[in-house]
């Protein structure tokens, strides 16, 4: 590599999102705090923190055609429904990777709030949550039909329980 290539100034500076910063909005009863919307990563990665109240359903079971996703449980517990009816209960510190076309969903059937850090690559999937927030009433349970409608815009496919 030529020395002039090593000395190039980055086109996007390092970005810091402070603990109380980031765009926040509600998905029904679930609070989302956007940490990275892709604008600082050339749309390569997006991330958000989710706060899920106790006894809260997540989205309908689905898979993603065009992006990978990860979940890091920050506090509480989170349940995943995965391929072939599998159930995985995750606790604080557990990390889940969901590759393209892997059927999944999550929920919090437990008695305590759960917080998790979610990444998606490429970042465009953050817009699914923004669209969905416009289709759901704040403070009301998630509506599976609204989820399906928003998913259709973002290469996300609903699957049956047997998938």
C-alpha atoms as a PDB file:
ATOM      1  CA  UNK A   1       0.000   0.000   0.000  1.00  0.00           C
ATOM      2  CA  UNK A   2       1.381   3.411  -0.933  1.00  0.00           C
ATOM      3  CA  UNK A   3       2.252   5.761   1.914  1.00  0.00           C
ATOM      4  CA  UNK A   4      -0.206   8.388   0.621  1.00  0.00           C
ATOM      5  CA  UNK A   5      -3.054   5.871   1.072  1.00  0.00           C
ATOM      6  CA  UNK A   6      -2.057   5.263   4.684  1.00  0.00           C
ATOM      7  CA  UNK A   7      -2.165   8.972   5.459  1.00  0.00           C
ATOM      8  CA  UNK A   8      -5.651   9.705   4.111  1.00  0.00           C
ATOM      9  CA  UNK A   9      -8.020  11.395   6.497  1.00  0.00           C
ATOM     10  CA  UNK A  10     -11.144   9.331   7.229  1.00  0.00           C
ATOM     11  CA  UNK A  11     -14.255  10.682   5.559  1.00  0.00           C
ATOM     12  CA  UNK A  12     -16.379  10.111   8.687  1.00  0.00           C
ATOM     13  CA  UNK A  13     -15.021  10.887  12.161  1.00  0.00           C
ATOM     14  CA  UNK A  14     -15.384   8.659  15.221  1.00  0.00           C
ATOM     15  CA  UNK A  15     -18.881   9.001  16.669  1.00  0.00           C
ATOM     16  CA  UNK A  16     -19.862   8.882  20.347  1.00  0.00           C
ATOM     17  CA  UNK A  17     -23.390   8.300  21.602  1.00  0.00           C
ATOM     18  CA  UNK A  18     -23.592   9.196  25.280  1.00  0.00           C
ATOM     19  CA  UNK A  19     -25.535   7.013  27.734  1.00  0.00           C
ATOM     20  CA  UNK A  20     -28.636   9.231  27.693  1.00  0.00           C
ATOM     21  CA  UNK A  21     -28.400  10.229  24.004  1.00  0.00           C
ATOM     22  CA  UNK A  22     -29.719   8.717  20.786  1.00  0.00           C
ATOM     23  CA  UNK A  23     -33.067   8.950  19.059  1.00  0.00           C
ATOM     24  CA  UNK A  24     -35.778   7.247  21.127  1.00  0.00           C
ATOM     25  CA  UNK A  25     -39.264   6.103  20.199  1.00  0.00           C
ATOM     26  CA  UNK A  26     -41.841   3.523  21.219  1.00  0.00           C
ATOM     27  CA  UNK A  27     -42.928   0.337  19.470  1.00  0.00           C
ATOM     28  CA  UNK A  28     -46.136  -0.172  21.402  1.00  0.00           C
ATOM     29  CA  UNK A  29     -44.779  -0.776  24.915  1.00  0.00           C
ATOM     30  CA  UNK A  30     -41.167  -1.403  23.797  1.00  0.00           C
ATOM     31  CA  UNK A  31     -38.753   1.518  23.992  1.00  0.00           C
ATOM     32  CA  UNK A  32     -36.033   1.802  21.345  1.00  0.00           C
ATOM     33  CA  UNK A  33     -32.946   3.986  21.562  1.00  0.00           C
ATOM     34  CA  UNK A  34     -31.102   4.212  18.238  1.00  0.00           C
ATOM     35  CA  UNK A  35     -27.352   4.133  18.747  1.00  0.00           C
ATOM     36  CA  UNK A  36     -26.289   4.012  15.070  1.00  0.00           C
ATOM     37  CA  UNK A  37     -28.558   4.511  12.081  1.00  0.00           C
ATOM     38  CA  UNK A  38     -25.842   3.847   9.506  1.00  0.00           C
ATOM     39  CA  UNK A  39     -24.995   7.483   8.874  1.00  0.00           C
ATOM     40  CA  UNK A  40     -21.624   7.045  10.608  1.00  0.00           C
ATOM     41  CA  UNK A  41     -20.764   3.682   9.025  1.00  0.00           C
ATOM     42  CA  UNK A  42     -21.586   4.094   5.332  1.00  0.00           C
ATOM     43  CA  UNK A  43     -24.733   2.053   6.141  1.00  0.00           C
ATOM     44  CA  UNK A  44     -22.682  -1.041   7.027  1.00  0.00           C
ATOM     45  CA  UNK A  45     -24.067  -1.423  10.567  1.00  0.00           C
ATOM     46  CA  UNK A  46     -26.971  -0.125  12.614  1.00  0.00           C
ATOM     47  CA  UNK A  47     -27.620  -0.602  16.309  1.00  0.00           C
ATOM     48  CA  UNK A  48     -30.227   0.117  18.954  1.00  0.00           C
ATOM     49  CA  UNK A  49     -30.995  -0.580  22.588  1.00  0.00           C
ATOM     50  CA  UNK A  50     -34.406  -2.106  23.320  1.00  0.00           C
ATOM     51  CA  UNK A  51     -36.237  -2.005  26.649  1.00  0.00           C
ATOM     52  CA  UNK A  52     -38.948  -4.679  26.779  1.00  0.00           C
ATOM     53  CA  UNK A  53     -41.444  -4.683  29.666  1.00  0.00           C
ATOM     54  CA  UNK A  54     -42.371  -7.941  31.422  1.00  0.00           C
ATOM     55  CA  UNK A  55     -44.880 -10.198  29.652  1.00  0.00           C
ATOM     56  CA  UNK A  56     -44.425  -8.535  26.254  1.00  0.00           C
ATOM     57  CA  UNK A  57     -44.796 -10.275  22.909  1.00  0.00           C
ATOM     58  CA  UNK A  58     -42.327  -9.501  20.142  1.00  0.00           C
ATOM     59  CA  UNK A  59     -42.805  -9.540  16.388  1.00  0.00           C
ATOM     60  CA  UNK A  60     -44.326 -12.496  14.524  1.00  0.00           C
ATOM     61  CA  UNK A  61     -41.815 -15.235  13.707  1.00  0.00           C
ATOM     62  CA  UNK A  62     -39.835 -14.191  10.618  1.00  0.00           C
ATOM     63  CA  UNK A  63     -36.536 -14.318   8.745  1.00  0.00           C
ATOM     64  CA  UNK A  64     -34.531 -11.629   6.998  1.00  0.00           C
ATOM     65  CA  UNK A  65     -33.642 -11.870   3.335  1.00  0.00           C
ATOM     66  CA  UNK A  66     -30.943  -9.196   3.365  1.00  0.00           C
ATOM     67  CA  UNK A  67     -29.445  -8.572   6.783  1.00  0.00           C
ATOM     68  CA  UNK A  68     -27.819 -10.242   9.752  1.00  0.00           C
ATOM     69  CA  UNK A  69     -28.805  -9.382  13.296  1.00  0.00           C
ATOM     70  CA  UNK A  70     -27.305  -9.804  16.768  1.00  0.00           C
ATOM     71  CA  UNK A  71     -28.743  -9.499  20.275  1.00  0.00           C
ATOM     72  CA  UNK A  72     -26.752  -8.913  23.490  1.00  0.00           C
ATOM     73  CA  UNK A  73     -28.905  -9.195  26.620  1.00  0.00           C
ATOM     74  CA  UNK A  74     -27.940  -6.287  28.908  1.00  0.00           C
ATOM     75  CA  UNK A  75     -30.358  -7.009  31.770  1.00  0.00           C
ATOM     76  CA  UNK A  76     -33.218  -9.373  32.502  1.00  0.00           C
ATOM     77  CA  UNK A  77     -34.074 -12.336  30.297  1.00  0.00           C
ATOM     78  CA  UNK A  78     -35.236 -12.700  26.698  1.00  0.00           C
ATOM     79  CA  UNK A  79     -36.814 -15.722  25.026  1.00  0.00           C
ATOM     80  CA  UNK A  80     -36.138 -16.628  21.394  1.00  0.00           C
ATOM     81  CA  UNK A  81     -38.277 -18.896  19.262  1.00  0.00           C
ATOM     82  CA  UNK A  82     -36.057 -20.353  16.553  1.00  0.00           C
ATOM     83  CA  UNK A  83     -36.234 -22.901  13.739  1.00  0.00           C
ATOM     84  CA  UNK A  84     -38.317 -26.067  14.183  1.00  0.00           C
ATOM     85  CA  UNK A  85     -40.081 -24.846  17.331  1.00  0.00           C
ATOM     86  CA  UNK A  86     -36.920 -24.420  19.376  1.00  0.00           C
ATOM     87  CA  UNK A  87     -36.975 -22.142  22.413  1.00  0.00           C
ATOM     88  CA  UNK A  88     -33.866 -20.477  23.802  1.00  0.00           C
ATOM     89  CA  UNK A  89     -33.997 -18.462  27.039  1.00  0.00           C
ATOM     90  CA  UNK A  90     -31.187 -15.922  27.301  1.00  0.00           C
ATOM     91  CA  UNK A  91     -29.939 -14.155  30.417  1.00  0.00           C
ATOM     92  CA  UNK A  92     -27.817 -11.085  31.045  1.00  0.00           C
ATOM     93  CA  UNK A  93     -24.593 -11.341  29.050  1.00  0.00           C
ATOM     94  CA  UNK A  94     -25.879 -13.902  26.533  1.00  0.00           C
ATOM     95  CA  UNK A  95     -25.313 -13.093  22.867  1.00  0.00           C
ATOM     96  CA  UNK A  96     -27.398 -14.332  19.921  1.00  0.00           C
ATOM     97  CA  UNK A  97     -26.448 -14.127  16.234  1.00  0.00           C
ATOM     98  CA  UNK A  98     -29.244 -14.396  13.661  1.00  0.00           C
ATOM     99  CA  UNK A  99     -27.934 -14.889  10.109  1.00  0.00           C
ATOM    100  CA  UNK A 100     -29.873 -14.230   6.914  1.00  0.00           C
ATOM    101  CA  UNK A 101     -32.841 -16.626   6.436  1.00  0.00           C
ATOM    102  CA  UNK A 102     -32.782 -17.950  10.006  1.00  0.00           C
ATOM    103  CA  UNK A 103     -36.383 -18.091  11.356  1.00  0.00           C
ATOM    104  CA  UNK A 104     -36.727 -16.381  14.732  1.00  0.00           C
ATOM    105  CA  UNK A 105     -38.628 -14.069  17.030  1.00  0.00           C
ATOM    106  CA  UNK A 106     -38.191 -12.855  20.580  1.00  0.00           C
ATOM    107  CA  UNK A 107     -40.400 -12.003  23.532  1.00  0.00           C
ATOM    108  CA  UNK A 108     -40.213 -11.287  27.230  1.00  0.00           C
ATOM    109  CA  UNK A 109     -42.577 -13.697  29.023  1.00  0.00           C
ATOM    110  CA  UNK A 110     -40.743 -13.148  32.312  1.00  0.00           C
ATOM    111  CA  UNK A 111     -41.619 -11.039  35.373  1.00  0.00           C
ATOM    112  CA  UNK A 112     -38.856  -8.456  34.919  1.00  0.00           C
ATOM    113  CA  UNK A 113     -37.966  -5.884  32.295  1.00  0.00           C
ATOM    114  CA  UNK A 114     -35.367  -6.871  29.702  1.00  0.00           C
ATOM    115  CA  UNK A 115     -32.882  -4.628  27.933  1.00  0.00           C
ATOM    116  CA  UNK A 116     -30.882  -5.778  24.928  1.00  0.00           C
ATOM    117  CA  UNK A 117     -28.464  -4.297  22.416  1.00  0.00           C
ATOM    118  CA  UNK A 118     -29.367  -5.138  18.814  1.00  0.00           C
ATOM    119  CA  UNK A 119     -27.225  -4.779  15.687  1.00  0.00           C
ATOM    120  CA  UNK A 120     -28.176  -5.180  12.040  1.00  0.00           C
ATOM    121  CA  UNK A 121     -25.995  -5.169   8.989  1.00  0.00           C
ATOM    122  CA  UNK A 122     -26.562  -3.468   6.693  1.00  0.00           C
ATOM    123  CA  UNK A 123     -28.050  -0.657   8.723  1.00  0.00           C
ATOM    124  CA  UNK A 124     -31.158   0.016   6.678  1.00  0.00           C
ATOM    125  CA  UNK A 125     -33.243  -2.233   8.944  1.00  0.00           C
ATOM    126  CA  UNK A 126     -33.361   0.542  11.562  1.00  0.00           C
ATOM    127  CA  UNK A 127     -35.954   2.080   9.254  1.00  0.00           C
ATOM    128  CA  UNK A 128     -38.246  -0.926   9.809  1.00  0.00           C
ATOM    129  CA  UNK A 129     -38.507   0.081  13.473  1.00  0.00           C
ATOM    130  CA  UNK A 130     -39.204   3.695  12.542  1.00  0.00           C
ATOM    131  CA  UNK A 131     -41.975   2.673  10.119  1.00  0.00           C
ATOM    132  CA  UNK A 132     -43.423   0.250  12.659  1.00  0.00           C
ATOM    133  CA  UNK A 133     -43.471   2.944  15.350  1.00  0.00           C
ATOM    134  CA  UNK A 134     -45.797   4.949  13.098  1.00  0.00           C
ATOM    135  CA  UNK A 135     -48.154   1.965  12.719  1.00  0.00           C
ATOM    136  CA  UNK A 136     -48.412   1.117  16.423  1.00  0.00           C
ATOM    137  CA  UNK A 137     -50.074   3.008  19.245  1.00  0.00           C
ATOM    138  CA  UNK A 138     -47.611   3.932  22.015  1.00  0.00           C
ATOM    139  CA  UNK A 139     -48.358   1.988  25.180  1.00  0.00           C
ATOM    140  CA  UNK A 140     -50.496  -0.644  23.414  1.00  0.00           C
ATOM    141  CA  UNK A 141     -49.375  -4.249  22.752  1.00  0.00           C
ATOM    142  CA  UNK A 142     -47.676  -5.047  19.438  1.00  0.00           C
ATOM    143  CA  UNK A 143     -50.037  -5.665  16.538  1.00  0.00           C
ATOM    144  CA  UNK A 144     -48.909  -8.656  14.417  1.00  0.00           C
ATOM    145  CA  UNK A 145     -50.590  -7.239  11.299  1.00  0.00           C
ATOM    146  CA  UNK A 146     -48.766  -3.909  11.662  1.00  0.00           C
ATOM    147  CA  UNK A 147     -45.514  -5.852  12.092  1.00  0.00           C
ATOM    148  CA  UNK A 148     -46.153  -7.839   8.914  1.00  0.00           C
ATOM    149  CA  UNK A 149     -46.997  -4.686   6.973  1.00  0.00           C
ATOM    150  CA  UNK A 150     -43.750  -2.966   8.041  1.00  0.00           C
ATOM    151  CA  UNK A 151     -41.699  -6.137   7.479  1.00  0.00           C
ATOM    152  CA  UNK A 152     -42.859  -6.295   3.857  1.00  0.00           C
ATOM    153  CA  UNK A 153     -40.958  -3.074   3.127  1.00  0.00           C
ATOM    154  CA  UNK A 154     -37.670  -4.453   4.479  1.00  0.00           C
ATOM    155  CA  UNK A 155     -37.139  -7.915   2.926  1.00  0.00           C
ATOM    156  CA  UNK A 156     -38.437  -9.652   6.048  1.00  0.00           C
ATOM    157  CA  UNK A 157     -40.566 -12.743   5.547  1.00  0.00           C
ATOM    158  CA  UNK A 158     -43.110 -14.103   8.057  1.00  0.00           C
ATOM    159  CA  UNK A 159     -42.890 -17.834   8.715  1.00  0.00           C
ATOM    160  CA  UNK A 160     -45.241 -20.421  10.186  1.00  0.00           C
ATOM    161  CA  UNK A 161     -44.668 -21.833  13.647  1.00  0.00           C
ATOM    162  CA  UNK A 162     -43.240 -25.061  12.176  1.00  0.00           C
ATOM    163  CA  UNK A 163     -40.401 -23.252  10.357  1.00  0.00           C
END
